[in-house]
Amino acid sequence: MELSKQACMILTLAIAVYMDFKYYKVDNKLIIIGISIGSLHNLAQQSLYGLLCSIIWGMIPIGLLFFLYISSVLGAGDIKLFAVIGVFMRTSFCFRAIILAFVIGAVISLAKMVRYGIVVSRLQYFTDYVLEVIHTKKLTPYYNVEEKNREYVIHFSLPIGLSVVILCILSYV
C-alpha cells in the first residue's frame, strides 16, 4: 500500500510540475484529486482515524507556510502541494520535503542567477526588499506574479516534486 501511495503522490506532483511550467499555476482540481486520493488511502488503511489524520496532516503545512504565501515568496499552489504531500505521507515526511525542496530551490535559483548573470542584481533586490520591510514595518509582496521573466521565475513545484522523489527513494535504501 505504501508504494501505491507514493506512486499516486508522485504522479500528482508530476502533473503539477507540468501545469506550473505551462500555465504558471497548479489547478485546484488537481489539488482536490490529490487530497482525495491520499485521504482514501488513509481511510482504507486506518478507517475514520486515517481520514481525520489526513485532514490534520494536510492543514499543518498550510498553517506553517501561509506567511510565505502572504509575502509572495511561495504561490498558493506550492503550499497546496505541500498539503497534498502531508495528506499522503504524514507531517514528518512533509517537513523533510519542505526542507529539501527549499535546498533544491536554492540550488536551482543560484544556477539560474549565474546562468543569466543576475547574481548581484538579485542580491541587491533582496537586500532592498528586506531593508524596506524593516523600515516601513509593512510586509509587501516580494515577487510580482505578473512578471513572468524566465530569469526571475522559479517554478517551485519542481523542487517540491524532486524532494518527494528523493525522499521516497531514500525510504527504500
N, C-alpha and C. Protein backbone atom coordinates (compact mmCIF):
# COMPACT_ATOMS: atom_id res chain seq x y z
N MET A 1 0.82 -1.20 0.00
CA MET A 1 0.00 0.00 0.00
C MET A 1 0.86 1.26 0.00
N GLU A 2 1.99 1.23 0.70
CA GLU A 2 2.87 2.40 0.77
C GLU A 2 3.38 2.77 -0.62
N LEU A 3 3.76 1.79 -1.40
CA LEU A 3 4.26 2.05 -2.75
C LEU A 3 3.17 2.67 -3.62
N SER A 4 1.95 2.21 -3.49
CA SER A 4 0.87 2.78 -4.30
C SER A 4 0.58 4.22 -3.87
N LYS A 5 0.68 4.52 -2.57
CA LYS A 5 0.52 5.90 -2.09
C LYS A 5 1.60 6.79 -2.68
N GLN A 6 2.83 6.31 -2.64
CA GLN A 6 3.94 7.09 -3.18
C GLN A 6 3.78 7.31 -4.68
N ALA A 7 3.36 6.28 -5.40
CA ALA A 7 3.18 6.40 -6.85
C ALA A 7 2.08 7.41 -7.18
N CYS A 8 0.97 7.35 -6.46
CA CYS A 8 -0.12 8.30 -6.69
C CYS A 8 0.33 9.73 -6.38
N MET A 9 1.08 9.88 -5.29
CA MET A 9 1.54 11.21 -4.91
C MET A 9 2.54 11.75 -5.94
N ILE A 10 3.46 10.92 -6.39
CA ILE A 10 4.45 11.36 -7.37
C ILE A 10 3.78 11.69 -8.71
N LEU A 11 2.79 10.92 -9.10
CA LEU A 11 2.05 11.22 -10.33
C LEU A 11 1.33 12.56 -10.21
N THR A 12 0.71 12.80 -9.07
CA THR A 12 0.04 14.09 -8.84
C THR A 12 1.04 15.24 -8.93
N LEU A 13 2.21 15.06 -8.34
CA LEU A 13 3.24 16.11 -8.37
C LEU A 13 3.80 16.30 -9.77
N ALA A 14 3.95 15.23 -10.53
CA ALA A 14 4.45 15.35 -11.90
C ALA A 14 3.48 16.16 -12.76
N ILE A 15 2.19 15.92 -12.60
CA ILE A 15 1.19 16.70 -13.33
C ILE A 15 1.24 18.16 -12.88
N ALA A 16 1.44 18.38 -11.59
CA ALA A 16 1.53 19.75 -11.06
C ALA A 16 2.73 20.49 -11.65
N VAL A 17 3.86 19.81 -11.76
CA VAL A 17 5.06 20.43 -12.35
C VAL A 17 4.77 20.84 -13.79
N TYR A 18 4.14 19.94 -14.53
CA TYR A 18 3.79 20.25 -15.92
C TYR A 18 2.88 21.49 -15.98
N MET A 19 1.84 21.53 -15.14
CA MET A 19 0.93 22.67 -15.11
C MET A 19 1.66 23.96 -14.76
N ASP A 20 2.54 23.88 -13.77
CA ASP A 20 3.27 25.06 -13.31
C ASP A 20 4.14 25.62 -14.43
N PHE A 21 4.84 24.77 -15.14
CA PHE A 21 5.70 25.24 -16.22
C PHE A 21 4.88 25.79 -17.39
N LYS A 22 3.74 25.18 -17.66
CA LYS A 22 2.93 25.60 -18.81
C LYS A 22 2.06 26.82 -18.51
N TYR A 23 1.43 26.85 -17.32
CA TYR A 23 0.44 27.88 -17.01
C TYR A 23 0.82 28.81 -15.85
N TYR A 24 1.96 28.57 -15.21
CA TYR A 24 2.40 29.35 -14.05
C TYR A 24 1.45 29.20 -12.87
N LYS A 25 0.71 28.11 -12.80
CA LYS A 25 -0.14 27.82 -11.66
C LYS A 25 -0.50 26.33 -11.68
N VAL A 26 -0.97 25.87 -10.53
CA VAL A 26 -1.42 24.48 -10.39
C VAL A 26 -2.93 24.53 -10.18
N ASP A 27 -3.65 23.82 -11.02
CA ASP A 27 -5.11 23.83 -10.98
C ASP A 27 -5.62 23.22 -9.67
N ASN A 28 -6.60 23.86 -9.07
CA ASN A 28 -7.18 23.36 -7.81
C ASN A 28 -7.83 22.00 -7.98
N LYS A 29 -8.29 21.67 -9.19
CA LYS A 29 -8.88 20.34 -9.40
C LYS A 29 -7.84 19.25 -9.13
N LEU A 30 -6.60 19.49 -9.54
CA LEU A 30 -5.54 18.52 -9.28
C LEU A 30 -5.28 18.40 -7.78
N ILE A 31 -5.28 19.52 -7.09
CA ILE A 31 -5.07 19.51 -5.64
C ILE A 31 -6.18 18.70 -4.96
N ILE A 32 -7.42 18.93 -5.38
CA ILE A 32 -8.55 18.21 -4.79
C ILE A 32 -8.44 16.71 -5.08
N ILE A 33 -8.06 16.37 -6.30
CA ILE A 33 -7.88 14.95 -6.66
C ILE A 33 -6.78 14.33 -5.79
N GLY A 34 -5.65 15.03 -5.65
CA GLY A 34 -4.55 14.52 -4.83
C GLY A 34 -4.94 14.33 -3.38
N ILE A 35 -5.61 15.32 -2.82
CA ILE A 35 -6.05 15.22 -1.42
C ILE A 35 -7.06 14.09 -1.26
N SER A 36 -7.95 13.95 -2.23
CA SER A 36 -8.97 12.88 -2.17
C SER A 36 -8.33 11.50 -2.22
N ILE A 37 -7.40 11.32 -3.14
CA ILE A 37 -6.74 10.01 -3.26
C ILE A 37 -5.94 9.69 -2.00
N GLY A 38 -5.19 10.67 -1.50
CA GLY A 38 -4.43 10.45 -0.26
C GLY A 38 -5.33 10.14 0.91
N SER A 39 -6.45 10.85 1.00
CA SER A 39 -7.40 10.61 2.09
C SER A 39 -8.03 9.23 1.98
N LEU A 40 -8.35 8.81 0.76
CA LEU A 40 -8.93 7.48 0.56
C LEU A 40 -7.94 6.38 0.94
N HIS A 41 -6.67 6.58 0.60
CA HIS A 41 -5.64 5.62 1.02
C HIS A 41 -5.61 5.50 2.55
N ASN A 42 -5.65 6.65 3.22
CA ASN A 42 -5.59 6.63 4.69
C ASN A 42 -6.87 6.05 5.28
N LEU A 43 -8.00 6.32 4.65
CA LEU A 43 -9.26 5.75 5.10
C LEU A 43 -9.22 4.22 4.97
N ALA A 44 -8.68 3.75 3.86
CA ALA A 44 -8.59 2.29 3.64
C ALA A 44 -7.64 1.64 4.63
N GLN A 45 -6.57 2.34 5.00
CA GLN A 45 -5.58 1.76 5.91
C GLN A 45 -6.00 1.85 7.38
N GLN A 46 -6.62 2.98 7.76
CA GLN A 46 -6.86 3.22 9.19
C GLN A 46 -8.29 3.64 9.51
N SER A 47 -9.21 3.42 8.62
CA SER A 47 -10.62 3.73 8.86
C SER A 47 -10.81 5.24 9.05
N LEU A 48 -11.78 5.62 9.86
CA LEU A 48 -12.08 7.04 10.07
C LEU A 48 -10.93 7.79 10.74
N TYR A 49 -10.17 7.09 11.57
CA TYR A 49 -8.99 7.71 12.18
C TYR A 49 -8.02 8.19 11.09
N GLY A 50 -7.80 7.38 10.07
CA GLY A 50 -6.92 7.75 8.97
C GLY A 50 -7.44 8.95 8.21
N LEU A 51 -8.75 9.02 8.04
CA LEU A 51 -9.35 10.17 7.36
C LEU A 51 -9.16 11.44 8.17
N LEU A 52 -9.39 11.35 9.47
CA LEU A 52 -9.20 12.51 10.35
C LEU A 52 -7.75 12.96 10.34
N CYS A 53 -6.84 12.02 10.39
CA CYS A 53 -5.40 12.34 10.34
C CYS A 53 -5.05 13.03 9.03
N SER A 54 -5.66 12.58 7.93
CA SER A 54 -5.40 13.21 6.63
C SER A 54 -5.72 14.70 6.66
N ILE A 55 -6.83 15.03 7.27
CA ILE A 55 -7.23 16.44 7.36
C ILE A 55 -6.19 17.23 8.16
N ILE A 56 -5.79 16.69 9.28
CA ILE A 56 -4.80 17.37 10.14
C ILE A 56 -3.46 17.48 9.42
N TRP A 57 -3.00 16.36 8.84
CA TRP A 57 -1.70 16.36 8.16
C TRP A 57 -1.68 17.32 6.97
N GLY A 58 -2.81 17.50 6.32
CA GLY A 58 -2.89 18.43 5.20
C GLY A 58 -2.93 19.89 5.63
N MET A 59 -3.49 20.16 6.79
CA MET A 59 -3.62 21.54 7.26
C MET A 59 -2.32 22.09 7.86
N ILE A 60 -1.51 21.22 8.43
CA ILE A 60 -0.29 21.69 9.09
C ILE A 60 0.65 22.44 8.14
N PRO A 61 0.97 21.91 6.94
CA PRO A 61 1.85 22.70 6.05
C PRO A 61 1.22 24.02 5.60
N ILE A 62 -0.10 24.05 5.46
CA ILE A 62 -0.75 25.31 5.08
C ILE A 62 -0.54 26.34 6.18
N GLY A 63 -0.75 25.94 7.41
CA GLY A 63 -0.54 26.86 8.52
C GLY A 63 0.90 27.32 8.66
N LEU A 64 1.83 26.39 8.47
CA LEU A 64 3.25 26.74 8.61
C LEU A 64 3.75 27.66 7.49
N LEU A 65 3.25 27.46 6.29
CA LEU A 65 3.79 28.17 5.13
C LEU A 65 2.94 29.36 4.70
N PHE A 66 1.85 29.62 5.39
CA PHE A 66 0.96 30.71 5.00
C PHE A 66 1.68 32.05 4.96
N PHE A 67 2.58 32.29 5.90
CA PHE A 67 3.36 33.53 5.93
C PHE A 67 4.13 33.73 4.62
N LEU A 68 4.67 32.64 4.08
CA LEU A 68 5.42 32.75 2.82
C LEU A 68 4.50 33.04 1.64
N TYR A 69 3.25 32.63 1.76
CA TYR A 69 2.27 32.95 0.72
C TYR A 69 1.90 34.43 0.76
N ILE A 70 1.58 34.95 1.94
CA ILE A 70 1.15 36.35 2.02
C ILE A 70 2.28 37.31 1.67
N SER A 71 3.51 36.87 1.78
CA SER A 71 4.63 37.71 1.37
C SER A 71 5.06 37.40 -0.07
N SER A 72 4.28 36.60 -0.78
CA SER A 72 4.51 36.25 -2.20
C SER A 72 5.83 35.54 -2.45
N VAL A 73 6.35 34.87 -1.44
CA VAL A 73 7.55 34.07 -1.62
C VAL A 73 7.18 32.74 -2.26
N LEU A 74 6.07 32.16 -1.81
CA LEU A 74 5.54 30.93 -2.39
C LEU A 74 4.15 31.21 -2.94
N GLY A 75 3.81 30.50 -4.01
CA GLY A 75 2.46 30.61 -4.54
C GLY A 75 1.51 29.71 -3.78
N ALA A 76 0.23 29.98 -3.94
CA ALA A 76 -0.79 29.17 -3.27
C ALA A 76 -0.69 27.71 -3.71
N GLY A 77 -0.42 27.50 -4.99
CA GLY A 77 -0.31 26.13 -5.50
C GLY A 77 0.82 25.36 -4.83
N ASP A 78 1.93 26.04 -4.58
CA ASP A 78 3.06 25.38 -3.91
C ASP A 78 2.67 24.92 -2.51
N ILE A 79 1.99 25.79 -1.79
CA ILE A 79 1.59 25.45 -0.43
C ILE A 79 0.56 24.32 -0.46
N LYS A 80 -0.35 24.37 -1.42
CA LYS A 80 -1.35 23.30 -1.52
C LYS A 80 -0.69 21.97 -1.91
N LEU A 81 0.39 22.02 -2.68
CA LEU A 81 1.12 20.79 -2.99
C LEU A 81 1.73 20.18 -1.73
N PHE A 82 2.24 21.04 -0.86
CA PHE A 82 2.75 20.53 0.42
C PHE A 82 1.62 19.92 1.24
N ALA A 83 0.42 20.49 1.15
CA ALA A 83 -0.74 19.90 1.84
C ALA A 83 -1.04 18.52 1.28
N VAL A 84 -0.96 18.37 -0.04
CA VAL A 84 -1.17 17.05 -0.66
C VAL A 84 -0.15 16.06 -0.13
N ILE A 85 1.10 16.49 -0.05
CA ILE A 85 2.16 15.62 0.47
C ILE A 85 1.85 15.23 1.92
N GLY A 86 1.41 16.21 2.72
CA GLY A 86 1.06 15.93 4.11
C GLY A 86 -0.05 14.90 4.22
N VAL A 87 -1.06 15.03 3.37
CA VAL A 87 -2.18 14.08 3.39
C VAL A 87 -1.69 12.67 3.06
N PHE A 88 -0.85 12.57 2.04
CA PHE A 88 -0.37 11.25 1.64
C PHE A 88 0.60 10.65 2.65
N MET A 89 1.56 11.44 3.14
CA MET A 89 2.72 10.86 3.81
C MET A 89 2.95 11.31 5.26
N ARG A 90 2.05 12.03 5.84
CA ARG A 90 2.17 12.49 7.22
C ARG A 90 3.08 13.71 7.35
N THR A 91 3.01 14.31 8.51
CA THR A 91 3.69 15.57 8.76
C THR A 91 5.21 15.44 8.76
N SER A 92 5.76 14.39 9.34
CA SER A 92 7.23 14.28 9.42
C SER A 92 7.84 14.19 8.03
N PHE A 93 7.24 13.42 7.14
CA PHE A 93 7.72 13.33 5.76
C PHE A 93 7.58 14.69 5.09
N CYS A 94 6.47 15.35 5.32
CA CYS A 94 6.21 16.66 4.70
C CYS A 94 7.25 17.69 5.15
N PHE A 95 7.60 17.68 6.45
CA PHE A 95 8.63 18.60 6.95
C PHE A 95 9.96 18.37 6.22
N ARG A 96 10.33 17.11 6.08
CA ARG A 96 11.58 16.81 5.36
C ARG A 96 11.48 17.26 3.91
N ALA A 97 10.31 17.08 3.29
CA ALA A 97 10.12 17.51 1.90
C ALA A 97 10.22 19.02 1.78
N ILE A 98 9.67 19.75 2.74
CA ILE A 98 9.75 21.21 2.72
C ILE A 98 11.20 21.66 2.79
N ILE A 99 11.95 21.11 3.73
CA ILE A 99 13.36 21.50 3.89
C ILE A 99 14.16 21.16 2.63
N LEU A 100 14.00 19.95 2.13
CA LEU A 100 14.73 19.54 0.94
C LEU A 100 14.32 20.35 -0.28
N ALA A 101 13.04 20.68 -0.41
CA ALA A 101 12.57 21.49 -1.53
C ALA A 101 13.20 22.87 -1.51
N PHE A 102 13.34 23.45 -0.32
CA PHE A 102 13.99 24.77 -0.23
C PHE A 102 15.47 24.69 -0.58
N VAL A 103 16.12 23.62 -0.20
CA VAL A 103 17.54 23.44 -0.57
C VAL A 103 17.66 23.28 -2.09
N ILE A 104 16.83 22.43 -2.67
CA ILE A 104 16.86 22.23 -4.12
C ILE A 104 16.50 23.53 -4.83
N GLY A 105 15.49 24.23 -4.31
CA GLY A 105 15.10 25.52 -4.90
C GLY A 105 16.22 26.54 -4.85
N ALA A 106 16.97 26.55 -3.75
CA ALA A 106 18.11 27.48 -3.63
C ALA A 106 19.19 27.15 -4.66
N VAL A 107 19.45 25.87 -4.86
CA VAL A 107 20.45 25.46 -5.86
C VAL A 107 20.00 25.86 -7.26
N ILE A 108 18.73 25.61 -7.57
CA ILE A 108 18.20 25.99 -8.89
C ILE A 108 18.25 27.50 -9.07
N SER A 109 17.86 28.24 -8.02
CA SER A 109 17.89 29.71 -8.08
C SER A 109 19.30 30.23 -8.34
N LEU A 110 20.25 29.70 -7.60
CA LEU A 110 21.64 30.13 -7.78
C LEU A 110 22.12 29.81 -9.19
N ALA A 111 21.79 28.61 -9.67
CA ALA A 111 22.20 28.23 -11.03
C ALA A 111 21.59 29.17 -12.07
N LYS A 112 20.32 29.54 -11.90
CA LYS A 112 19.67 30.46 -12.84
C LYS A 112 20.30 31.85 -12.77
N MET A 113 20.58 32.30 -11.56
CA MET A 113 21.19 33.63 -11.42
C MET A 113 22.56 33.67 -12.07
N VAL A 114 23.34 32.62 -11.90
CA VAL A 114 24.65 32.56 -12.55
C VAL A 114 24.49 32.49 -14.06
N ARG A 115 23.58 31.65 -14.52
CA ARG A 115 23.35 31.48 -15.97
C ARG A 115 22.97 32.80 -16.64
N TYR A 116 22.09 33.56 -16.00
CA TYR A 116 21.63 34.81 -16.60
C TYR A 116 22.45 36.02 -16.16
N GLY A 117 23.48 35.79 -15.35
CA GLY A 117 24.36 36.88 -14.94
C GLY A 117 23.66 37.92 -14.07
N ILE A 118 22.77 37.48 -13.21
CA ILE A 118 21.99 38.42 -12.40
C ILE A 118 22.19 38.21 -10.90
N VAL A 119 23.28 37.59 -10.52
CA VAL A 119 23.52 37.32 -9.10
C VAL A 119 23.52 38.62 -8.30
N VAL A 120 24.30 39.58 -8.73
CA VAL A 120 24.44 40.83 -7.99
C VAL A 120 23.12 41.59 -7.96
N SER A 121 22.43 41.69 -9.09
CA SER A 121 21.17 42.45 -9.12
C SER A 121 20.09 41.78 -8.26
N ARG A 122 20.05 40.45 -8.23
CA ARG A 122 19.03 39.77 -7.41
C ARG A 122 19.37 39.89 -5.93
N LEU A 123 20.65 39.82 -5.58
CA LEU A 123 21.03 40.01 -4.17
C LEU A 123 20.72 41.45 -3.73
N GLN A 124 20.93 42.40 -4.63
CA GLN A 124 20.60 43.79 -4.32
C GLN A 124 19.09 43.96 -4.15
N TYR A 125 18.31 43.32 -5.02
CA TYR A 125 16.85 43.37 -4.93
C TYR A 125 16.39 42.81 -3.58
N PHE A 126 16.97 41.67 -3.19
CA PHE A 126 16.62 41.05 -1.92
C PHE A 126 16.98 41.95 -0.75
N THR A 127 18.17 42.51 -0.79
CA THR A 127 18.62 43.41 0.28
C THR A 127 17.69 44.62 0.38
N ASP A 128 17.36 45.23 -0.76
CA ASP A 128 16.46 46.38 -0.77
C ASP A 128 15.09 46.01 -0.21
N TYR A 129 14.62 44.83 -0.56
CA TYR A 129 13.32 44.36 -0.06
C TYR A 129 13.35 44.23 1.45
N VAL A 130 14.36 43.56 1.98
CA VAL A 130 14.46 43.37 3.43
C VAL A 130 14.55 44.72 4.15
N LEU A 131 15.36 45.62 3.63
CA LEU A 131 15.50 46.94 4.25
C LEU A 131 14.19 47.72 4.21
N GLU A 132 13.46 47.60 3.11
CA GLU A 132 12.17 48.29 3.00
C GLU A 132 11.17 47.74 4.03
N VAL A 133 11.13 46.43 4.18
CA VAL A 133 10.22 45.82 5.17
C VAL A 133 10.60 46.27 6.57
N ILE A 134 11.88 46.30 6.87
CA ILE A 134 12.33 46.74 8.19
C ILE A 134 11.98 48.21 8.41
N HIS A 135 12.23 49.03 7.40
CA HIS A 135 12.00 50.47 7.52
C HIS A 135 10.51 50.81 7.63
N THR A 136 9.68 50.22 6.78
CA THR A 136 8.25 50.55 6.76
C THR A 136 7.44 49.71 7.75
N LYS A 137 8.04 48.61 8.21
CA LYS A 137 7.34 47.67 9.09
C LYS A 137 6.07 47.13 8.44
N LYS A 138 6.10 47.07 7.10
CA LYS A 138 4.98 46.53 6.33
C LYS A 138 5.50 45.44 5.41
N LEU A 139 4.81 44.32 5.43
CA LEU A 139 5.18 43.20 4.57
C LEU A 139 4.51 43.39 3.21
N THR A 140 5.32 43.51 2.19
CA THR A 140 4.81 43.67 0.83
C THR A 140 5.21 42.44 0.02
N PRO A 141 4.51 42.20 -1.08
CA PRO A 141 4.89 41.05 -1.91
C PRO A 141 6.33 41.17 -2.40
N TYR A 142 7.06 40.07 -2.27
CA TYR A 142 8.45 40.04 -2.72
C TYR A 142 8.54 39.95 -4.23
N TYR A 143 7.58 39.26 -4.83
CA TYR A 143 7.63 38.98 -6.25
C TYR A 143 6.30 39.34 -6.88
N ASN A 144 6.34 39.99 -8.03
CA ASN A 144 5.13 40.33 -8.78
C ASN A 144 4.78 39.15 -9.68
N VAL A 145 3.64 38.50 -9.41
CA VAL A 145 3.29 37.31 -10.17
C VAL A 145 3.01 37.59 -11.64
N GLU A 146 2.76 38.84 -11.98
CA GLU A 146 2.53 39.19 -13.39
C GLU A 146 3.85 39.24 -14.17
N GLU A 147 4.96 39.33 -13.45
CA GLU A 147 6.28 39.43 -14.06
C GLU A 147 6.78 38.01 -14.34
N LYS A 148 6.66 37.59 -15.59
CA LYS A 148 7.00 36.21 -15.93
C LYS A 148 8.33 36.13 -16.68
N ASN A 149 9.30 36.91 -16.22
CA ASN A 149 10.63 36.84 -16.82
C ASN A 149 11.29 35.54 -16.42
N ARG A 150 11.79 34.80 -17.40
CA ARG A 150 12.35 33.49 -17.07
C ARG A 150 13.58 33.59 -16.19
N GLU A 151 14.21 34.76 -16.18
CA GLU A 151 15.38 34.93 -15.32
C GLU A 151 15.00 34.91 -13.84
N TYR A 152 13.77 35.36 -13.54
CA TYR A 152 13.37 35.54 -12.16
C TYR A 152 12.47 34.42 -11.63
N VAL A 153 11.78 33.74 -12.50
CA VAL A 153 10.78 32.77 -12.07
C VAL A 153 11.43 31.44 -11.70
N ILE A 154 11.07 30.96 -10.53
CA ILE A 154 11.42 29.61 -10.11
C ILE A 154 10.10 28.85 -9.97
N HIS A 155 9.92 27.86 -10.80
CA HIS A 155 8.73 27.02 -10.69
C HIS A 155 8.98 26.08 -9.52
N PHE A 156 8.48 26.48 -8.35
CA PHE A 156 8.82 25.77 -7.12
C PHE A 156 8.21 24.38 -7.06
N SER A 157 7.26 24.10 -7.93
CA SER A 157 6.71 22.74 -7.97
C SER A 157 7.79 21.73 -8.31
N LEU A 158 8.78 22.14 -9.11
CA LEU A 158 9.87 21.23 -9.47
C LEU A 158 10.70 20.82 -8.25
N PRO A 159 11.20 21.76 -7.44
CA PRO A 159 11.90 21.33 -6.22
C PRO A 159 11.01 20.52 -5.28
N ILE A 160 9.73 20.85 -5.22
CA ILE A 160 8.81 20.07 -4.38
C ILE A 160 8.75 18.63 -4.88
N GLY A 161 8.53 18.47 -6.18
CA GLY A 161 8.46 17.13 -6.75
C GLY A 161 9.75 16.36 -6.60
N LEU A 162 10.88 17.03 -6.86
CA LEU A 162 12.18 16.36 -6.73
C LEU A 162 12.43 15.94 -5.28
N SER A 163 12.05 16.79 -4.34
CA SER A 163 12.28 16.45 -2.93
C SER A 163 11.50 15.19 -2.55
N VAL A 164 10.28 15.08 -3.04
CA VAL A 164 9.46 13.91 -2.73
C VAL A 164 10.04 12.65 -3.36
N VAL A 165 10.46 12.76 -4.62
CA VAL A 165 11.06 11.59 -5.29
C VAL A 165 12.31 11.13 -4.54
N ILE A 166 13.16 12.08 -4.17
CA ILE A 166 14.38 11.73 -3.44
C ILE A 166 14.05 11.06 -2.11
N LEU A 167 13.11 11.64 -1.36
CA LEU A 167 12.75 11.06 -0.06
C LEU A 167 12.11 9.69 -0.20
N CYS A 168 11.32 9.50 -1.24
CA CYS A 168 10.72 8.17 -1.46
C CYS A 168 11.80 7.14 -1.80
N ILE A 169 12.74 7.51 -2.65
CA ILE A 169 13.85 6.60 -2.99
C ILE A 169 14.65 6.28 -1.73
N LEU A 170 14.97 7.31 -0.94
CA LEU A 170 15.76 7.08 0.27
C LEU A 170 15.03 6.20 1.28
N SER A 171 13.71 6.17 1.23
CA SER A 171 12.97 5.32 2.17
C SER A 171 13.16 3.83 1.87
N TYR A 172 13.66 3.52 0.68
CA TYR A 172 13.91 2.12 0.30
C TYR A 172 15.39 1.74 0.39
N VAL A 173 16.23 2.69 0.70
CA VAL A 173 17.67 2.41 0.77
C VAL A 173 18.06 2.02 2.17
